[in-house]
Amino acid sequence: MSFFRKAMFLGLGVFSLTKEAAEKLINEAVEKGEISRDEARKFIDEALRRGEEQKEELKTFVRQELQKLRIELGLVSKDELEELRTRLEELERKVQD
């Protein structure tokens, strides 16, 4: 697979790329003369930066979708459950007194 084909796949959202995997990919391309060392370093930095951005975007998206689903299903959050538990304990103490 050519360097540019591999780079295209990276650009399509393969954001689980590790630094080691990126460096291996780039070193292979440098050895084959497909890119220079300077281009390789720039590419690794950019690919890793984009990967981190995509991870954060995915985390945000998943959180938002889970929140929507929680609301649609009428589920309570852990914080809401804890608040209800505390109120119930207070009411039980008042009834016992």
N, C-alpha and C. Protein backbone atom coordinates (compact mmCIF):
# COMPACT_ATOMS: atom_id res chain seq x y z
N MET A 1 0.86 -1.17 0.00
CA MET A 1 0.00 0.00 0.00
C MET A 1 0.91 1.23 0.00
N SER A 2 0.62 2.18 -0.85
CA SER A 2 1.46 3.38 -0.96
C SER A 2 1.25 4.30 0.24
N PHE A 3 2.24 5.17 0.45
CA PHE A 3 2.16 6.12 1.55
C PHE A 3 0.91 6.98 1.43
N PHE A 4 0.62 7.44 0.23
CA PHE A 4 -0.52 8.34 0.07
C PHE A 4 -1.85 7.62 0.28
N ARG A 5 -1.91 6.37 -0.05
CA ARG A 5 -3.13 5.59 0.22
C ARG A 5 -3.29 5.43 1.74
N LYS A 6 -2.19 5.12 2.43
CA LYS A 6 -2.24 5.00 3.88
C LYS A 6 -2.63 6.33 4.51
N ALA A 7 -2.09 7.40 4.00
CA ALA A 7 -2.42 8.74 4.52
C ALA A 7 -3.90 9.04 4.33
N MET A 8 -4.44 8.62 3.20
CA MET A 8 -5.85 8.84 2.93
C MET A 8 -6.70 8.13 3.99
N PHE A 9 -6.34 6.89 4.32
CA PHE A 9 -7.08 6.17 5.34
C PHE A 9 -7.00 6.88 6.69
N LEU A 10 -5.84 7.44 7.00
CA LEU A 10 -5.71 8.19 8.24
C LEU A 10 -6.65 9.38 8.25
N GLY A 11 -6.80 10.03 7.11
CA GLY A 11 -7.66 11.19 7.01
C GLY A 11 -9.13 10.85 7.08
N LEU A 12 -9.48 9.59 6.93
CA LEU A 12 -10.88 9.18 6.95
C LEU A 12 -11.40 8.88 8.33
N GLY A 13 -10.62 9.23 9.33
CA GLY A 13 -11.13 9.08 10.69
C GLY A 13 -10.56 7.93 11.47
N VAL A 14 -9.49 7.36 11.05
CA VAL A 14 -8.86 6.31 11.83
C VAL A 14 -8.07 7.00 12.93
N PHE A 15 -8.74 7.29 14.04
CA PHE A 15 -8.15 8.13 15.06
C PHE A 15 -7.51 7.33 16.19
N SER A 16 -7.43 6.04 16.03
CA SER A 16 -6.80 5.25 17.09
C SER A 16 -5.32 5.03 16.80
N LEU A 17 -4.79 5.78 15.89
CA LEU A 17 -3.39 5.67 15.50
C LEU A 17 -2.49 6.03 16.67
N THR A 18 -1.59 5.14 16.99
CA THR A 18 -0.64 5.44 18.05
C THR A 18 0.56 6.13 17.45
N LYS A 19 1.32 6.77 18.30
CA LYS A 19 2.51 7.46 17.83
C LYS A 19 3.47 6.46 17.19
N GLU A 20 3.60 5.29 17.81
CA GLU A 20 4.51 4.26 17.28
C GLU A 20 4.06 3.79 15.90
N ALA A 21 2.77 3.57 15.73
CA ALA A 21 2.26 3.12 14.43
C ALA A 21 2.47 4.19 13.37
N ALA A 22 2.25 5.45 13.75
CA ALA A 22 2.45 6.55 12.80
C ALA A 22 3.91 6.65 12.39
N GLU A 23 4.79 6.52 13.37
CA GLU A 23 6.22 6.61 13.06
C GLU A 23 6.67 5.46 12.17
N LYS A 24 6.13 4.28 12.40
CA LYS A 24 6.48 3.13 11.55
C LYS A 24 6.03 3.38 10.12
N LEU A 25 4.81 3.86 9.96
CA LEU A 25 4.28 4.18 8.64
C LEU A 25 5.14 5.21 7.94
N ILE A 26 5.49 6.24 8.64
CA ILE A 26 6.29 7.32 8.06
C ILE A 26 7.70 6.85 7.74
N ASN A 27 8.30 6.10 8.65
CA ASN A 27 9.66 5.60 8.40
C ASN A 27 9.71 4.73 7.15
N GLU A 28 8.68 3.93 6.94
CA GLU A 28 8.62 3.11 5.73
C GLU A 28 8.58 4.00 4.48
N ALA A 29 7.78 5.06 4.55
CA ALA A 29 7.67 5.98 3.42
C ALA A 29 8.99 6.71 3.16
N VAL A 30 9.68 7.10 4.23
CA VAL A 30 10.97 7.78 4.08
C VAL A 30 11.98 6.83 3.46
N GLU A 31 12.02 5.59 3.95
CA GLU A 31 12.95 4.60 3.41
C GLU A 31 12.71 4.33 1.93
N LYS A 32 11.46 4.38 1.52
CA LYS A 32 11.12 4.15 0.10
C LYS A 32 11.32 5.41 -0.73
N GLY A 33 11.64 6.52 -0.07
CA GLY A 33 11.85 7.77 -0.78
C GLY A 33 10.56 8.47 -1.19
N GLU A 34 9.45 8.07 -0.58
CA GLU A 34 8.16 8.68 -0.93
C GLU A 34 8.00 10.08 -0.33
N ILE A 35 8.66 10.32 0.82
CA ILE A 35 8.60 11.64 1.46
C ILE A 35 9.93 11.91 2.16
N SER A 36 10.16 13.17 2.48
CA SER A 36 11.39 13.55 3.19
C SER A 36 11.18 13.40 4.70
N ARG A 37 12.27 13.42 5.47
CA ARG A 37 12.21 13.35 6.93
C ARG A 37 11.37 14.49 7.51
N ASP A 38 11.57 15.70 6.98
CA ASP A 38 10.84 16.86 7.47
C ASP A 38 9.34 16.71 7.21
N GLU A 39 9.01 16.27 6.00
CA GLU A 39 7.60 16.03 5.67
C GLU A 39 7.02 14.94 6.58
N ALA A 40 7.82 13.94 6.84
CA ALA A 40 7.38 12.84 7.69
C ALA A 40 7.03 13.34 9.09
N ARG A 41 7.90 14.13 9.68
CA ARG A 41 7.66 14.65 11.02
C ARG A 41 6.40 15.51 11.05
N LYS A 42 6.24 16.37 10.04
CA LYS A 42 5.06 17.22 9.98
C LYS A 42 3.80 16.38 9.86
N PHE A 43 3.88 15.33 9.04
CA PHE A 43 2.72 14.47 8.86
C PHE A 43 2.35 13.76 10.16
N ILE A 44 3.33 13.23 10.88
CA ILE A 44 3.06 12.54 12.14
C ILE A 44 2.39 13.50 13.13
N ASP A 45 2.96 14.68 13.27
CA ASP A 45 2.39 15.65 14.20
C ASP A 45 0.95 16.00 13.84
N GLU A 46 0.71 16.23 12.57
CA GLU A 46 -0.64 16.59 12.12
C GLU A 46 -1.62 15.43 12.29
N ALA A 47 -1.20 14.22 11.95
CA ALA A 47 -2.07 13.05 12.08
C ALA A 47 -2.45 12.82 13.54
N LEU A 48 -1.49 12.93 14.42
CA LEU A 48 -1.77 12.75 15.84
C LEU A 48 -2.66 13.85 16.39
N ARG A 49 -2.44 15.08 15.96
CA ARG A 49 -3.28 16.19 16.40
C ARG A 49 -4.72 15.98 15.95
N ARG A 50 -4.88 15.61 14.69
CA ARG A 50 -6.23 15.36 14.16
C ARG A 50 -6.89 14.19 14.88
N GLY A 51 -6.10 13.16 15.16
CA GLY A 51 -6.65 12.01 15.86
C GLY A 51 -7.19 12.38 17.22
N GLU A 52 -6.45 13.21 17.95
CA GLU A 52 -6.91 13.66 19.27
C GLU A 52 -8.18 14.50 19.15
N GLU A 53 -8.23 15.36 18.15
CA GLU A 53 -9.43 16.17 17.94
C GLU A 53 -10.63 15.28 17.65
N GLN A 54 -10.43 14.27 16.82
CA GLN A 54 -11.53 13.37 16.46
C GLN A 54 -11.99 12.56 17.67
N LYS A 55 -11.06 12.15 18.52
CA LYS A 55 -11.45 11.43 19.73
C LYS A 55 -12.34 12.30 20.60
N GLU A 56 -11.92 13.56 20.79
CA GLU A 56 -12.70 14.47 21.63
C GLU A 56 -14.08 14.73 21.02
N GLU A 57 -14.13 14.90 19.71
CA GLU A 57 -15.43 15.11 19.05
C GLU A 57 -16.33 13.90 19.23
N LEU A 58 -15.76 12.71 19.11
CA LEU A 58 -16.54 11.49 19.29
C LEU A 58 -17.04 11.37 20.72
N LYS A 59 -16.20 11.66 21.70
CA LYS A 59 -16.61 11.61 23.10
C LYS A 59 -17.78 12.56 23.34
N THR A 60 -17.68 13.77 22.82
CA THR A 60 -18.74 14.76 22.99
C THR A 60 -20.03 14.27 22.35
N PHE A 61 -19.93 13.75 21.14
CA PHE A 61 -21.10 13.24 20.43
C PHE A 61 -21.76 12.11 21.21
N VAL A 62 -20.97 11.16 21.70
CA VAL A 62 -21.52 10.02 22.44
C VAL A 62 -22.21 10.50 23.71
N ARG A 63 -21.57 11.44 24.43
CA ARG A 63 -22.19 11.97 25.65
C ARG A 63 -23.54 12.62 25.35
N GLN A 64 -23.59 13.41 24.28
CA GLN A 64 -24.83 14.08 23.91
C GLN A 64 -25.92 13.08 23.54
N GLU A 65 -25.54 12.06 22.79
CA GLU A 65 -26.53 11.06 22.38
C GLU A 65 -27.01 10.24 23.57
N LEU A 66 -26.13 9.92 24.49
CA LEU A 66 -26.54 9.19 25.69
C LEU A 66 -27.47 10.04 26.55
N GLN A 67 -27.19 11.33 26.64
CA GLN A 67 -28.05 12.24 27.40
C GLN A 67 -29.44 12.29 26.77
N LYS A 68 -29.51 12.38 25.45
CA LYS A 68 -30.81 12.38 24.75
C LYS A 68 -31.57 11.09 25.02
N LEU A 69 -30.86 9.98 24.94
CA LEU A 69 -31.47 8.67 25.16
C LEU A 69 -31.97 8.55 26.59
N ARG A 70 -31.18 9.02 27.54
CA ARG A 70 -31.58 8.98 28.95
C ARG A 70 -32.88 9.74 29.16
N ILE A 71 -32.97 10.91 28.54
CA ILE A 71 -34.17 11.73 28.66
C ILE A 71 -35.36 11.05 27.99
N GLU A 72 -35.15 10.53 26.78
CA GLU A 72 -36.23 9.86 26.06
C GLU A 72 -36.77 8.66 26.82
N LEU A 73 -35.91 7.92 27.48
CA LEU A 73 -36.33 6.73 28.22
C LEU A 73 -36.80 7.04 29.63
N GLY A 74 -36.62 8.28 30.05
CA GLY A 74 -37.06 8.67 31.38
C GLY A 74 -36.17 8.13 32.48
N LEU A 75 -34.92 7.89 32.17
CA LEU A 75 -33.99 7.38 33.18
C LEU A 75 -33.42 8.52 33.99
N VAL A 76 -33.10 8.22 35.24
CA VAL A 76 -32.50 9.24 36.10
C VAL A 76 -30.99 9.07 36.11
N SER A 77 -30.31 10.16 36.34
CA SER A 77 -28.85 10.11 36.43
C SER A 77 -28.45 9.64 37.83
N LYS A 78 -27.21 9.31 37.99
CA LYS A 78 -26.68 8.90 39.29
C LYS A 78 -26.84 10.02 40.30
N ASP A 79 -26.58 11.26 39.87
CA ASP A 79 -26.73 12.41 40.77
C ASP A 79 -28.19 12.59 41.20
N GLU A 80 -29.11 12.44 40.25
CA GLU A 80 -30.53 12.57 40.58
C GLU A 80 -30.97 11.48 41.55
N LEU A 81 -30.48 10.27 41.35
CA LEU A 81 -30.82 9.16 42.24
C LEU A 81 -30.28 9.43 43.64
N GLU A 82 -29.08 9.93 43.72
CA GLU A 82 -28.48 10.23 45.03
C GLU A 82 -29.27 11.34 45.74
N GLU A 83 -29.70 12.33 44.98
CA GLU A 83 -30.50 13.40 45.56
C GLU A 83 -31.83 12.85 46.11
N LEU A 84 -32.46 11.96 45.37
CA LEU A 84 -33.71 11.35 45.83
C LEU A 84 -33.47 10.50 47.08
N ARG A 85 -32.38 9.78 47.10
CA ARG A 85 -32.03 8.95 48.26
C ARG A 85 -31.87 9.83 49.50
N THR A 86 -31.17 10.94 49.35
CA THR A 86 -30.95 11.86 50.47
C THR A 86 -32.29 12.42 50.96
N ARG A 87 -33.15 12.82 50.04
CA ARG A 87 -34.46 13.35 50.43
C ARG A 87 -35.30 12.29 51.14
N LEU A 88 -35.22 11.06 50.65
CA LEU A 88 -35.97 9.96 51.28
C LEU A 88 -35.48 9.71 52.70
N GLU A 89 -34.17 9.73 52.88
CA GLU A 89 -33.61 9.53 54.21
C GLU A 89 -34.05 10.64 55.16
N GLU A 90 -34.09 11.87 54.65
CA GLU A 90 -34.54 12.99 55.48
C GLU A 90 -36.01 12.82 55.87
N LEU A 91 -36.83 12.41 54.91
CA LEU A 91 -38.26 12.19 55.20
C LEU A 91 -38.46 11.04 56.21
N GLU A 92 -37.67 9.99 56.07
CA GLU A 92 -37.78 8.87 57.02
C GLU A 92 -37.41 9.33 58.42
N ARG A 93 -36.40 10.17 58.55
CA ARG A 93 -36.02 10.68 59.88
C ARG A 93 -37.14 11.53 60.48
N LYS A 94 -37.76 12.36 59.64
CA LYS A 94 -38.85 13.22 60.11
C LYS A 94 -40.04 12.38 60.57
N VAL A 95 -40.34 11.33 59.83
CA VAL A 95 -41.49 10.47 60.19
C VAL A 95 -41.19 9.75 61.49
N GLN A 96 -39.98 9.31 61.71
CA GLN A 96 -39.61 8.58 62.93
C GLN A 96 -39.61 9.50 64.15
N ASP A 97 -39.34 10.78 63.95
CA ASP A 97 -39.29 11.72 65.08
C ASP A 97 -40.62 12.10 65.58
